[in-house]
Amino acid sequence: MSTPQFWSTPLRYIRWAAHEKPAIFFSLVIGSMGPVALVTLPPIRRALGDVDPEPIPLSYPVPKGPRSIPKGFDDE
């Protein structure tokens, strides 16, 4: 039984795939850069001085004291 071409000569297979099936090859290259960027970009970004924004508040702040009732509406 013969060894598949990829495992016997991977660089030659990669070169063949880049020439013969470029859409599939480059989509795999770009897709494989996603997890790498997920790990490497945040430390680089912080080293360049970019800071994380404040978290968005999840609740509306409740004012202290008695509630002022609006006046001038004829709904009562």
PDB file of N, CA and C in Angstrom:
ATOM      1  N   MET A   1       0.846  -1.168   0.000  1.00  0.00           N
ATOM      2  CA  MET A   1       0.000   0.000   0.000  1.00  0.00           C
ATOM      3  C   MET A   1       0.899   1.242   0.000  1.00  0.00           C
ATOM      4  N   SER A   2       0.581   2.215  -0.844  1.00  0.00           N
ATOM      5  CA  SER A   2       1.424   3.406  -0.952  1.00  0.00           C
ATOM      6  C   SER A   2       0.964   4.488   0.026  1.00  0.00           C
ATOM      7  N   THR A   3       1.912   5.343   0.364  1.00  0.00           N
ATOM      8  CA  THR A   3       1.626   6.461   1.257  1.00  0.00           C
ATOM      9  C   THR A   3       0.949   7.567   0.455  1.00  0.00           C
ATOM     10  N   PRO A   4      -0.053   8.229   1.011  1.00  0.00           N
ATOM     11  CA  PRO A   4      -0.670   9.343   0.290  1.00  0.00           C
ATOM     12  C   PRO A   4       0.360  10.424  -0.037  1.00  0.00           C
ATOM     13  N   GLN A   5       0.102  11.129  -1.121  1.00  0.00           N
ATOM     14  CA  GLN A   5       1.074  12.098  -1.607  1.00  0.00           C
ATOM     15  C   GLN A   5       1.341  13.209  -0.596  1.00  0.00           C
ATOM     16  N   PHE A   6       0.345  13.645   0.109  1.00  0.00           N
ATOM     17  CA  PHE A   6       0.548  14.743   1.057  1.00  0.00           C
ATOM     18  C   PHE A   6       1.558  14.369   2.135  1.00  0.00           C
ATOM     19  N   TRP A   7       1.460  13.164   2.682  1.00  0.00           N
ATOM     20  CA  TRP A   7       2.338  12.790   3.782  1.00  0.00           C
ATOM     21  C   TRP A   7       3.733  12.417   3.311  1.00  0.00           C
ATOM     22  N   SER A   8       3.887  12.035   2.069  1.00  0.00           N
ATOM     23  CA  SER A   8       5.222  11.690   1.592  1.00  0.00           C
ATOM     24  C   SER A   8       6.013  12.932   1.173  1.00  0.00           C
ATOM     25  N   THR A   9       5.355  13.889   0.517  1.00  0.00           N
ATOM     26  CA  THR A   9       6.032  15.130   0.108  1.00  0.00           C
ATOM     27  C   THR A   9       5.089  16.313   0.335  1.00  0.00           C
ATOM     28  N   PRO A  10       5.012  16.815   1.555  1.00  0.00           N
ATOM     29  CA  PRO A  10       4.012  17.853   1.833  1.00  0.00           C
ATOM     30  C   PRO A  10       4.270  19.176   1.111  1.00  0.00           C
ATOM     31  N   LEU A  11       5.506  19.617   1.000  1.00  0.00           N
ATOM     32  CA  LEU A  11       5.772  20.895   0.333  1.00  0.00           C
ATOM     33  C   LEU A  11       5.434  20.838  -1.151  1.00  0.00           C
ATOM     34  N   ARG A  12       5.716  19.721  -1.767  1.00  0.00           N
ATOM     35  CA  ARG A  12       5.377  19.558  -3.176  1.00  0.00           C
ATOM     36  C   ARG A  12       3.858  19.540  -3.373  1.00  0.00           C
ATOM     37  N   TYR A  13       3.141  18.902  -2.454  1.00  0.00           N
ATOM     38  CA  TYR A  13       1.679  18.858  -2.531  1.00  0.00           C
ATOM     39  C   TYR A  13       1.082  20.251  -2.314  1.00  0.00           C
ATOM     40  N   ILE A  14       1.646  21.006  -1.363  1.00  0.00           N
ATOM     41  CA  ILE A  14       1.159  22.367  -1.109  1.00  0.00           C
ATOM     42  C   ILE A  14       1.371  23.238  -2.333  1.00  0.00           C
ATOM     43  N   ARG A  15       2.528  23.121  -2.974  1.00  0.00           N
ATOM     44  CA  ARG A  15       2.791  23.891  -4.190  1.00  0.00           C
ATOM     45  C   ARG A  15       1.825  23.491  -5.300  1.00  0.00           C
ATOM     46  N   TRP A  16       1.565  22.210  -5.444  1.00  0.00           N
ATOM     47  CA  TRP A  16       0.612  21.740  -6.455  1.00  0.00           C
ATOM     48  C   TRP A  16      -0.789  22.297  -6.178  1.00  0.00           C
ATOM     49  N   ALA A  17      -1.207  22.250  -4.904  1.00  0.00           N
ATOM     50  CA  ALA A  17      -2.535  22.730  -4.552  1.00  0.00           C
ATOM     51  C   ALA A  17      -2.659  24.232  -4.787  1.00  0.00           C
ATOM     52  N   ALA A  18      -1.585  24.992  -4.534  1.00  0.00           N
ATOM     53  CA  ALA A  18      -1.631  26.435  -4.752  1.00  0.00           C
ATOM     54  C   ALA A  18      -1.786  26.761  -6.228  1.00  0.00           C
ATOM     55  N   HIS A  19      -1.233  25.934  -7.106  1.00  0.00           N
ATOM     56  CA  HIS A  19      -1.330  26.185  -8.548  1.00  0.00           C
ATOM     57  C   HIS A  19      -2.608  25.618  -9.150  1.00  0.00           C
ATOM     58  N   GLU A  20      -2.992  24.432  -8.733  1.00  0.00           N
ATOM     59  CA  GLU A  20      -4.114  23.755  -9.370  1.00  0.00           C
ATOM     60  C   GLU A  20      -5.470  24.080  -8.739  1.00  0.00           C
ATOM     61  N   LYS A  21      -5.510  24.331  -7.451  1.00  0.00           N
ATOM     62  CA  LYS A  21      -6.762  24.635  -6.742  1.00  0.00           C
ATOM     63  C   LYS A  21      -6.547  25.842  -5.825  1.00  0.00           C
ATOM     64  N   PRO A  22      -6.343  27.030  -6.407  1.00  0.00           N
ATOM     65  CA  PRO A  22      -5.979  28.191  -5.588  1.00  0.00           C
ATOM     66  C   PRO A  22      -7.096  28.659  -4.654  1.00  0.00           C
ATOM     67  N   ALA A  23      -8.349  28.551  -5.055  1.00  0.00           N
ATOM     68  CA  ALA A  23      -9.436  29.021  -4.188  1.00  0.00           C
ATOM     69  C   ALA A  23      -9.489  28.207  -2.897  1.00  0.00           C
ATOM     70  N   ILE A  24      -9.375  26.908  -3.016  1.00  0.00           N
ATOM     71  CA  ILE A  24      -9.404  26.047  -1.826  1.00  0.00           C
ATOM     72  C   ILE A  24      -8.152  26.267  -0.990  1.00  0.00           C
ATOM     73  N   PHE A  25      -6.992  26.342  -1.647  1.00  0.00           N
ATOM     74  CA  PHE A  25      -5.731  26.500  -0.935  1.00  0.00           C
ATOM     75  C   PHE A  25      -5.701  27.799  -0.130  1.00  0.00           C
ATOM     76  N   PHE A  26      -6.023  28.918  -0.777  1.00  0.00           N
ATOM     77  CA  PHE A  26      -5.921  30.191  -0.083  1.00  0.00           C
ATOM     78  C   PHE A  26      -7.050  30.383   0.932  1.00  0.00           C
ATOM     79  N   SER A  27      -8.199  29.765   0.730  1.00  0.00           N
ATOM     80  CA  SER A  27      -9.231  29.833   1.764  1.00  0.00           C
ATOM     81  C   SER A  27      -8.774  29.074   3.008  1.00  0.00           C
ATOM     82  N   LEU A  28      -8.062  27.986   2.844  1.00  0.00           N
ATOM     83  CA  LEU A  28      -7.513  27.271   3.998  1.00  0.00           C
ATOM     84  C   LEU A  28      -6.405  28.071   4.673  1.00  0.00           C
ATOM     85  N   VAL A  29      -5.587  28.751   3.886  1.00  0.00           N
ATOM     86  CA  VAL A  29      -4.517  29.577   4.465  1.00  0.00           C
ATOM     87  C   VAL A  29      -5.114  30.719   5.286  1.00  0.00           C
ATOM     88  N   ILE A  30      -6.076  31.431   4.712  1.00  0.00           N
ATOM     89  CA  ILE A  30      -6.698  32.554   5.413  1.00  0.00           C
ATOM     90  C   ILE A  30      -7.484  32.056   6.631  1.00  0.00           C
ATOM     91  N   GLY A  31      -8.173  30.938   6.491  1.00  0.00           N
ATOM     92  CA  GLY A  31      -8.920  30.383   7.615  1.00  0.00           C
ATOM     93  C   GLY A  31      -8.024  29.915   8.745  1.00  0.00           C
ATOM     94  N   SER A  32      -6.840  29.431   8.428  1.00  0.00           N
ATOM     95  CA  SER A  32      -5.925  28.988   9.482  1.00  0.00           C
ATOM     96  C   SER A  32      -5.275  30.157  10.200  1.00  0.00           C
ATOM     97  N   MET A  33      -5.314  31.351   9.616  1.00  0.00           N
ATOM     98  CA  MET A  33      -4.742  32.518  10.294  1.00  0.00           C
ATOM     99  C   MET A  33      -5.665  33.047  11.384  1.00  0.00           C
ATOM    100  N   GLY A  34      -6.940  32.681  11.396  1.00  0.00           N
ATOM    101  CA  GLY A  34      -7.876  33.160  12.409  1.00  0.00           C
ATOM    102  C   GLY A  34      -7.500  32.756  13.822  1.00  0.00           C
ATOM    103  N   PRO A  35      -7.323  31.471  14.118  1.00  0.00           N
ATOM    104  CA  PRO A  35      -6.932  31.087  15.478  1.00  0.00           C
ATOM    105  C   PRO A  35      -5.568  31.645  15.879  1.00  0.00           C
ATOM    106  N   VAL A  36      -4.665  31.770  14.927  1.00  0.00           N
ATOM    107  CA  VAL A  36      -3.348  32.337  15.225  1.00  0.00           C
ATOM    108  C   VAL A  36      -3.502  33.806  15.620  1.00  0.00           C
ATOM    109  N   ALA A  37      -4.335  34.544  14.890  1.00  0.00           N
ATOM    110  CA  ALA A  37      -4.556  35.956  15.194  1.00  0.00           C
ATOM    111  C   ALA A  37      -5.263  36.113  16.535  1.00  0.00           C
ATOM    112  N   LEU A  38      -6.132  35.184  16.885  1.00  0.00           N
ATOM    113  CA  LEU A  38      -6.846  35.249  18.158  1.00  0.00           C
ATOM    114  C   LEU A  38      -5.874  35.198  19.331  1.00  0.00           C
ATOM    115  N   VAL A  39      -4.787  34.476  19.171  1.00  0.00           N
ATOM    116  CA  VAL A  39      -3.808  34.329  20.248  1.00  0.00           C
ATOM    117  C   VAL A  39      -2.766  35.446  20.217  1.00  0.00           C
ATOM    118  N   THR A  40      -2.355  35.891  19.047  1.00  0.00           N
ATOM    119  CA  THR A  40      -1.228  36.814  18.947  1.00  0.00           C
ATOM    120  C   THR A  40      -1.609  38.295  18.920  1.00  0.00           C
ATOM    121  N   LEU A  41      -2.761  38.661  18.407  1.00  0.00           N
ATOM    122  CA  LEU A  41      -3.082  40.077  18.248  1.00  0.00           C
ATOM    123  C   LEU A  41      -3.373  40.834  19.544  1.00  0.00           C
ATOM    124  N   PRO A  42      -4.097  40.288  20.534  1.00  0.00           N
ATOM    125  CA  PRO A  42      -4.334  41.080  21.747  1.00  0.00           C
ATOM    126  C   PRO A  42      -3.062  41.537  22.466  1.00  0.00           C
ATOM    127  N   PRO A  43      -2.030  40.700  22.658  1.00  0.00           N
ATOM    128  CA  PRO A  43      -0.815  41.216  23.298  1.00  0.00           C
ATOM    129  C   PRO A  43      -0.109  42.279  22.447  1.00  0.00           C
ATOM    130  N   ILE A  44      -0.128  42.116  21.142  1.00  0.00           N
ATOM    131  CA  ILE A  44       0.497  43.115  20.270  1.00  0.00           C
ATOM    132  C   ILE A  44      -0.271  44.424  20.358  1.00  0.00           C
ATOM    133  N   ARG A  45      -1.591  44.343  20.374  1.00  0.00           N
ATOM    134  CA  ARG A  45      -2.424  45.541  20.458  1.00  0.00           C
ATOM    135  C   ARG A  45      -2.182  46.287  21.761  1.00  0.00           C
ATOM    136  N   ARG A  46      -2.107  45.550  22.880  1.00  0.00           N
ATOM    137  CA  ARG A  46      -1.855  46.198  24.170  1.00  0.00           C
ATOM    138  C   ARG A  46      -0.452  46.782  24.234  1.00  0.00           C
ATOM    139  N   ALA A  47       0.526  46.140  23.602  1.00  0.00           N
ATOM    140  CA  ALA A  47       1.894  46.662  23.577  1.00  0.00           C
ATOM    141  C   ALA A  47       1.970  47.967  22.798  1.00  0.00           C
ATOM    142  N   LEU A  48       1.094  48.151  21.824  1.00  0.00           N
ATOM    143  CA  LEU A  48       1.075  49.383  21.049  1.00  0.00           C
ATOM    144  C   LEU A  48       0.263  50.489  21.715  1.00  0.00           C
ATOM    145  N   GLY A  49      -0.329  50.223  22.884  1.00  0.00           N
ATOM    146  CA  GLY A  49      -1.004  51.260  23.649  1.00  0.00           C
ATOM    147  C   GLY A  49      -2.516  51.258  23.545  1.00  0.00           C
ATOM    148  N   ASP A  50      -3.112  50.323  22.867  1.00  0.00           N
ATOM    149  CA  ASP A  50      -4.569  50.255  22.776  1.00  0.00           C
ATOM    150  C   ASP A  50      -5.100  49.592  24.042  1.00  0.00           C
ATOM    151  N   VAL A  51      -6.120  50.186  24.639  1.00  0.00           N
ATOM    152  CA  VAL A  51      -6.685  49.637  25.874  1.00  0.00           C
ATOM    153  C   VAL A  51      -8.075  49.094  25.596  1.00  0.00           C
ATOM    154  N   ASP A  52      -8.502  48.159  26.420  1.00  0.00           N
ATOM    155  CA  ASP A  52      -9.845  47.604  26.289  1.00  0.00           C
ATOM    156  C   ASP A  52     -10.857  48.640  26.784  1.00  0.00           C
ATOM    157  N   PRO A  53     -11.991  48.773  26.121  1.00  0.00           N
ATOM    158  CA  PRO A  53     -13.004  49.743  26.573  1.00  0.00           C
ATOM    159  C   PRO A  53     -13.688  49.261  27.849  1.00  0.00           C
ATOM    160  N   GLU A  54     -14.352  50.202  28.533  1.00  0.00           N
ATOM    161  CA  GLU A  54     -15.115  49.835  29.725  1.00  0.00           C
ATOM    162  C   GLU A  54     -16.250  48.900  29.322  1.00  0.00           C
ATOM    163  N   PRO A  55     -16.626  47.981  30.193  1.00  0.00           N
ATOM    164  CA  PRO A  55     -17.761  47.123  29.854  1.00  0.00           C
ATOM    165  C   PRO A  55     -19.061  47.939  29.803  1.00  0.00           C
ATOM    166  N   ILE A  56     -19.946  47.547  28.930  1.00  0.00           N
ATOM    167  CA  ILE A  56     -21.224  48.227  28.784  1.00  0.00           C
ATOM    168  C   ILE A  56     -22.086  47.898  29.999  1.00  0.00           C
ATOM    169  N   PRO A  57     -22.734  48.905  30.616  1.00  0.00           N
ATOM    170  CA  PRO A  57     -23.586  48.605  31.766  1.00  0.00           C
ATOM    171  C   PRO A  57     -24.748  47.709  31.362  1.00  0.00           C
ATOM    172  N   LEU A  58     -25.057  46.768  32.219  1.00  0.00           N
ATOM    173  CA  LEU A  58     -26.134  45.827  31.929  1.00  0.00           C
ATOM    174  C   LEU A  58     -27.457  46.235  32.562  1.00  0.00           C
ATOM    175  N   SER A  59     -27.455  47.285  33.387  1.00  0.00           N
ATOM    176  CA  SER A  59     -28.698  47.748  33.998  1.00  0.00           C
ATOM    177  C   SER A  59     -28.733  49.267  33.955  1.00  0.00           C
ATOM    178  N   TYR A  60     -29.926  49.806  34.054  1.00  0.00           N
ATOM    179  CA  TYR A  60     -30.108  51.246  34.063  1.00  0.00           C
ATOM    180  C   TYR A  60     -29.853  51.754  35.475  1.00  0.00           C
ATOM    181  N   PRO A  61     -29.092  52.835  35.628  1.00  0.00           N
ATOM    182  CA  PRO A  61     -28.840  53.320  36.998  1.00  0.00           C
ATOM    183  C   PRO A  61     -30.119  53.879  37.623  1.00  0.00           C
ATOM    184  N   VAL A  62     -30.425  53.468  38.824  1.00  0.00           N
ATOM    185  CA  VAL A  62     -31.624  53.912  39.528  1.00  0.00           C
ATOM    186  C   VAL A  62     -31.262  55.168  40.316  1.00  0.00           C
ATOM    187  N   PRO A  63     -31.968  56.293  40.081  1.00  0.00           N
ATOM    188  CA  PRO A  63     -31.638  57.523  40.822  1.00  0.00           C
ATOM    189  C   PRO A  63     -32.016  57.404  42.295  1.00  0.00           C
ATOM    190  N   LYS A  64     -31.231  58.072  43.132  1.00  0.00           N
ATOM    191  CA  LYS A  64     -31.503  58.058  44.567  1.00  0.00           C
ATOM    192  C   LYS A  64     -32.508  59.164  44.896  1.00  0.00           C
ATOM    193  N   GLY A  65     -33.252  58.982  45.939  1.00  0.00           N
ATOM    194  CA  GLY A  65     -34.208  59.990  46.377  1.00  0.00           C
ATOM    195  C   GLY A  65     -35.593  59.737  45.812  1.00  0.00           C
ATOM    196  N   PRO A  66     -36.545  60.653  46.140  1.00  0.00           N
ATOM    197  CA  PRO A  66     -37.915  60.452  45.659  1.00  0.00           C
ATOM    198  C   PRO A  66     -38.024  60.720  44.168  1.00  0.00           C
ATOM    199  N   ARG A  67     -38.954  60.047  43.568  1.00  0.00           N
ATOM    200  CA  ARG A  67     -39.165  60.198  42.138  1.00  0.00           C
ATOM    201  C   ARG A  67     -39.980  61.457  41.872  1.00  0.00           C
ATOM    202  N   SER A  68     -39.513  62.277  40.934  1.00  0.00           N
ATOM    203  CA  SER A  68     -40.264  63.484  40.607  1.00  0.00           C
ATOM    204  C   SER A  68     -41.329  63.127  39.569  1.00  0.00           C
ATOM    205  N   ILE A  69     -42.563  63.506  39.862  1.00  0.00           N
ATOM    206  CA  ILE A  69     -43.674  63.212  38.965  1.00  0.00           C
ATOM    207  C   ILE A  69     -43.779  64.343  37.948  1.00  0.00           C
ATOM    208  N   PRO A  70     -43.784  64.041  36.665  1.00  0.00           N
ATOM    209  CA  PRO A  70     -43.864  65.102  35.669  1.00  0.00           C
ATOM    210  C   PRO A  70     -45.202  65.832  35.740  1.00  0.00           C
ATOM    211  N   LYS A  71     -45.144  67.137  35.484  1.00  0.00           N
ATOM    212  CA  LYS A  71     -46.356  67.948  35.550  1.00  0.00           C
ATOM    213  C   LYS A  71     -46.629  68.553  34.170  1.00  0.00           C
ATOM    214  N   GLY A  72     -47.873  68.887  33.926  1.00  0.00           N
ATOM    215  CA  GLY A  72     -48.238  69.528  32.688  1.00  0.00           C
ATOM    216  C   GLY A  72     -48.873  68.584  31.696  1.00  0.00           C
ATOM    217  N   PHE A  73     -49.105  67.341  32.062  1.00  0.00           N
ATOM    218  CA  PHE A  73     -49.763  66.397  31.169  1.00  0.00           C
ATOM    219  C   PHE A  73     -51.198  66.218  31.617  1.00  0.00           C
ATOM    220  N   ASP A  74     -52.131  66.179  30.686  1.00  0.00           N
ATOM    221  CA  ASP A  74     -53.552  66.071  31.026  1.00  0.00           C
ATOM    222  C   ASP A  74     -54.038  64.623  30.905  1.00  0.00           C
ATOM    223  N   ASP A  75     -53.360  63.737  31.505  1.00  0.00           N
ATOM    224  CA  ASP A  75     -53.757  62.341  31.376  1.00  0.00           C
ATOM    225  C   ASP A  75     -54.457  61.819  32.631  1.00  0.00           C
ATOM    226  N   GLU A  76     -54.703  62.624  33.592  1.00  0.00           N
ATOM    227  CA  GLU A  76     -55.345  62.157  34.816  1.00  0.00           C
ATOM    228  C   GLU A  76     -56.783  62.583  34.886  1.00  0.00           C
TER     229      GLU A  76
END
